Amino acid sequence: MKNRLKELRESHGLTQEQLGDIVGVSRQAINAIETEKFEPSIWLAYDISNVFHCSIEEIFLFQESERKSRAQQSRGII
């Protein structure tokens, strides 16, 4: 999932480790989100959005993806 996390984090002067401490995850988790290797839970996305005082949609860009959603995978949709 595309996101603006690194841009927002850096504009607020936070390191990955500092942001992770604030939202209760590791620096590695923040890095994985920023590099689109991991999609956060809705609760983590909510916590991150609260840190930056913006909506989840302003950070995480929900556009059509080539990856199948979990719902599509479970229903066998190609």
N, C-alpha and C. Protein backbone atom coordinates (compact mmCIF):
# COMPACT_ATOMS: atom_id res chain seq x y z
N MET A 1 0.85 -1.17 0.00
CA MET A 1 0.00 0.00 0.00
C MET A 1 0.90 1.24 0.00
N LYS A 2 0.62 2.11 -0.91
CA LYS A 2 1.38 3.36 -0.98
C LYS A 2 1.06 4.20 0.26
N ASN A 3 2.07 4.98 0.69
CA ASN A 3 1.84 5.83 1.85
C ASN A 3 2.80 7.02 1.85
N ARG A 4 2.47 7.98 2.69
CA ARG A 4 3.27 9.20 2.85
C ARG A 4 3.94 9.23 4.23
N LEU A 5 4.10 8.08 4.84
CA LEU A 5 4.57 8.03 6.22
C LEU A 5 5.96 8.64 6.38
N LYS A 6 6.89 8.27 5.53
CA LYS A 6 8.26 8.80 5.66
C LYS A 6 8.25 10.32 5.53
N GLU A 7 7.53 10.83 4.55
CA GLU A 7 7.44 12.28 4.33
C GLU A 7 6.90 12.99 5.58
N LEU A 8 5.82 12.48 6.14
CA LEU A 8 5.23 13.10 7.33
C LEU A 8 6.15 12.97 8.54
N ARG A 9 6.72 11.79 8.70
CA ARG A 9 7.61 11.56 9.85
C ARG A 9 8.80 12.53 9.82
N GLU A 10 9.42 12.64 8.65
CA GLU A 10 10.58 13.52 8.53
C GLU A 10 10.20 14.99 8.69
N SER A 11 9.02 15.38 8.19
CA SER A 11 8.60 16.78 8.32
C SER A 11 8.31 17.15 9.77
N HIS A 12 8.04 16.14 10.60
CA HIS A 12 7.81 16.37 12.03
C HIS A 12 9.08 16.14 12.85
N GLY A 13 10.19 15.87 12.18
CA GLY A 13 11.47 15.70 12.86
C GLY A 13 11.58 14.45 13.70
N LEU A 14 10.86 13.40 13.30
CA LEU A 14 10.89 12.14 14.06
C LEU A 14 11.72 11.09 13.34
N THR A 15 12.43 10.29 14.12
CA THR A 15 13.11 9.12 13.56
C THR A 15 12.11 7.97 13.52
N GLN A 16 12.47 6.92 12.81
CA GLN A 16 11.62 5.73 12.79
C GLN A 16 11.47 5.18 14.20
N GLU A 17 12.55 5.19 14.95
CA GLU A 17 12.51 4.67 16.32
C GLU A 17 11.59 5.51 17.21
N GLN A 18 11.66 6.83 17.08
CA GLN A 18 10.80 7.69 17.89
C GLN A 18 9.32 7.48 17.56
N LEU A 19 9.00 7.41 16.27
CA LEU A 19 7.61 7.16 15.89
C LEU A 19 7.15 5.80 16.39
N GLY A 20 8.01 4.79 16.25
CA GLY A 20 7.67 3.47 16.76
C GLY A 20 7.38 3.48 18.25
N ASP A 21 8.21 4.20 19.01
CA ASP A 21 7.99 4.30 20.46
C ASP A 21 6.63 4.96 20.76
N ILE A 22 6.28 5.98 20.00
CA ILE A 22 5.03 6.70 20.24
C ILE A 22 3.82 5.80 20.00
N VAL A 23 3.87 5.00 18.92
CA VAL A 23 2.71 4.17 18.56
C VAL A 23 2.83 2.73 19.04
N GLY A 24 3.94 2.39 19.69
CA GLY A 24 4.06 1.08 20.32
C GLY A 24 4.50 -0.05 19.40
N VAL A 25 5.31 0.27 18.39
CA VAL A 25 5.87 -0.77 17.53
C VAL A 25 7.37 -0.53 17.38
N SER A 26 8.05 -1.47 16.75
CA SER A 26 9.50 -1.35 16.58
C SER A 26 9.86 -0.42 15.43
N ARG A 27 11.11 0.01 15.43
CA ARG A 27 11.64 0.80 14.32
C ARG A 27 11.52 0.01 13.03
N GLN A 28 11.76 -1.31 13.12
CA GLN A 28 11.67 -2.17 11.94
C GLN A 28 10.27 -2.18 11.37
N ALA A 29 9.25 -2.15 12.22
CA ALA A 29 7.87 -2.12 11.74
C ALA A 29 7.59 -0.83 10.99
N ILE A 30 8.07 0.29 11.52
CA ILE A 30 7.88 1.58 10.83
C ILE A 30 8.59 1.54 9.49
N ASN A 31 9.80 1.01 9.46
CA ASN A 31 10.54 0.90 8.20
C ASN A 31 9.78 0.04 7.19
N ALA A 32 9.23 -1.07 7.65
CA ALA A 32 8.51 -1.98 6.75
C ALA A 32 7.25 -1.31 6.19
N ILE A 33 6.59 -0.48 6.98
CA ILE A 33 5.42 0.25 6.49
C ILE A 33 5.87 1.28 5.45
N GLU A 34 6.92 2.03 5.77
CA GLU A 34 7.40 3.07 4.85
C GLU A 34 7.84 2.49 3.51
N THR A 35 8.41 1.31 3.53
CA THR A 35 8.91 0.69 2.29
C THR A 35 7.88 -0.23 1.65
N GLU A 36 6.66 -0.18 2.15
CA GLU A 36 5.52 -0.92 1.60
C GLU A 36 5.69 -2.44 1.64
N LYS A 37 6.44 -2.90 2.65
CA LYS A 37 6.60 -4.34 2.85
C LYS A 37 5.60 -4.88 3.86
N PHE A 38 4.91 -3.98 4.55
CA PHE A 38 3.97 -4.35 5.59
C PHE A 38 2.82 -3.36 5.58
N GLU A 39 1.61 -3.85 5.70
CA GLU A 39 0.43 -2.99 5.80
C GLU A 39 -0.03 -3.00 7.26
N PRO A 40 -0.15 -1.83 7.84
CA PRO A 40 -0.51 -1.78 9.26
C PRO A 40 -1.97 -2.17 9.49
N SER A 41 -2.24 -2.62 10.70
CA SER A 41 -3.62 -2.87 11.09
C SER A 41 -4.36 -1.54 11.10
N ILE A 42 -5.67 -1.59 11.09
CA ILE A 42 -6.45 -0.36 11.14
C ILE A 42 -6.17 0.41 12.42
N TRP A 43 -5.92 -0.29 13.51
CA TRP A 43 -5.63 0.37 14.79
C TRP A 43 -4.29 1.07 14.76
N LEU A 44 -3.29 0.45 14.16
CA LEU A 44 -1.98 1.09 14.05
C LEU A 44 -2.07 2.28 13.10
N ALA A 45 -2.77 2.13 12.00
CA ALA A 45 -2.95 3.25 11.07
C ALA A 45 -3.64 4.42 11.78
N TYR A 46 -4.63 4.11 12.62
CA TYR A 46 -5.34 5.14 13.39
C TYR A 46 -4.39 5.85 14.35
N ASP A 47 -3.57 5.07 15.06
CA ASP A 47 -2.61 5.67 16.00
C ASP A 47 -1.61 6.56 15.27
N ILE A 48 -1.14 6.10 14.12
CA ILE A 48 -0.19 6.91 13.34
C ILE A 48 -0.86 8.20 12.87
N SER A 49 -2.09 8.10 12.41
CA SER A 49 -2.79 9.31 11.93
C SER A 49 -2.99 10.31 13.07
N ASN A 50 -3.21 9.82 14.28
CA ASN A 50 -3.35 10.72 15.43
C ASN A 50 -2.05 11.47 15.73
N VAL A 51 -0.92 10.81 15.55
CA VAL A 51 0.37 11.46 15.77
C VAL A 51 0.51 12.68 14.86
N PHE A 52 0.07 12.54 13.62
CA PHE A 52 0.24 13.61 12.63
C PHE A 52 -1.00 14.49 12.48
N HIS A 53 -2.01 14.25 13.30
CA HIS A 53 -3.23 15.06 13.30
C HIS A 53 -3.85 15.15 11.91
N CYS A 54 -3.99 13.99 11.27
CA CYS A 54 -4.63 13.96 9.97
C CYS A 54 -5.39 12.64 9.83
N SER A 55 -6.12 12.51 8.74
CA SER A 55 -6.90 11.29 8.54
C SER A 55 -6.01 10.15 8.06
N ILE A 56 -6.47 8.95 8.26
CA ILE A 56 -5.75 7.76 7.77
C ILE A 56 -5.53 7.88 6.26
N GLU A 57 -6.56 8.37 5.54
CA GLU A 57 -6.48 8.46 4.08
C GLU A 57 -5.43 9.46 3.61
N GLU A 58 -5.05 10.40 4.46
CA GLU A 58 -4.00 11.36 4.10
C GLU A 58 -2.61 10.74 4.18
N ILE A 59 -2.50 9.65 4.91
CA ILE A 59 -1.20 8.96 5.06
C ILE A 59 -1.13 7.73 4.15
N PHE A 60 -2.19 6.93 4.21
CA PHE A 60 -2.22 5.67 3.46
C PHE A 60 -3.11 5.84 2.24
N LEU A 61 -2.54 5.61 1.08
CA LEU A 61 -3.21 5.90 -0.18
C LEU A 61 -3.89 4.64 -0.70
N PHE A 62 -5.18 4.58 -0.54
CA PHE A 62 -5.97 3.40 -0.89
C PHE A 62 -6.35 3.45 -2.37
N GLN A 63 -5.39 3.14 -3.21
CA GLN A 63 -5.68 3.12 -4.64
C GLN A 63 -5.67 1.68 -5.12
N GLU A 64 -6.18 1.47 -6.30
CA GLU A 64 -6.20 0.12 -6.84
C GLU A 64 -4.80 -0.47 -6.82
N SER A 65 -4.70 -1.65 -6.35
CA SER A 65 -3.41 -2.32 -6.24
C SER A 65 -3.42 -3.57 -7.09
N GLU A 66 -2.24 -3.95 -7.55
CA GLU A 66 -2.12 -5.20 -8.30
C GLU A 66 -2.25 -6.40 -7.37
N ARG A 67 -2.01 -6.17 -6.09
CA ARG A 67 -2.17 -7.25 -5.11
C ARG A 67 -3.63 -7.51 -4.87
N LYS A 68 -3.97 -8.76 -4.70
CA LYS A 68 -5.35 -9.11 -4.35
C LYS A 68 -5.59 -8.79 -2.88
N SER A 69 -6.77 -8.29 -2.58
CA SER A 69 -7.13 -8.05 -1.19
C SER A 69 -7.32 -9.40 -0.49
N ARG A 70 -7.31 -9.37 0.81
CA ARG A 70 -7.54 -10.61 1.57
C ARG A 70 -8.92 -11.18 1.28
N ALA A 71 -9.91 -10.30 1.08
CA ALA A 71 -11.26 -10.77 0.77
C ALA A 71 -11.27 -11.48 -0.58
N GLN A 72 -10.58 -10.91 -1.56
CA GLN A 72 -10.52 -11.54 -2.88
C GLN A 72 -9.80 -12.88 -2.79
N GLN A 73 -8.74 -12.94 -2.01
CA GLN A 73 -8.00 -14.19 -1.87
C GLN A 73 -8.85 -15.27 -1.25
N SER A 74 -9.63 -14.92 -0.23
CA SER A 74 -10.42 -15.92 0.47
C SER A 74 -11.59 -16.42 -0.38
N ARG A 75 -12.05 -15.58 -1.31
CA ARG A 75 -13.15 -15.97 -2.19
C ARG A 75 -12.65 -16.58 -3.50
N GLY A 76 -11.33 -16.60 -3.70
CA GLY A 76 -10.77 -17.17 -4.91
C GLY A 76 -10.95 -16.30 -6.14
N ILE A 77 -11.13 -14.99 -5.95
CA ILE A 77 -11.30 -14.08 -7.07
C ILE A 77 -9.93 -13.75 -7.66
N ILE A 78 -9.85 -13.80 -8.94
CA ILE A 78 -8.56 -13.54 -9.60
C ILE A 78 -8.41 -12.10 -9.97
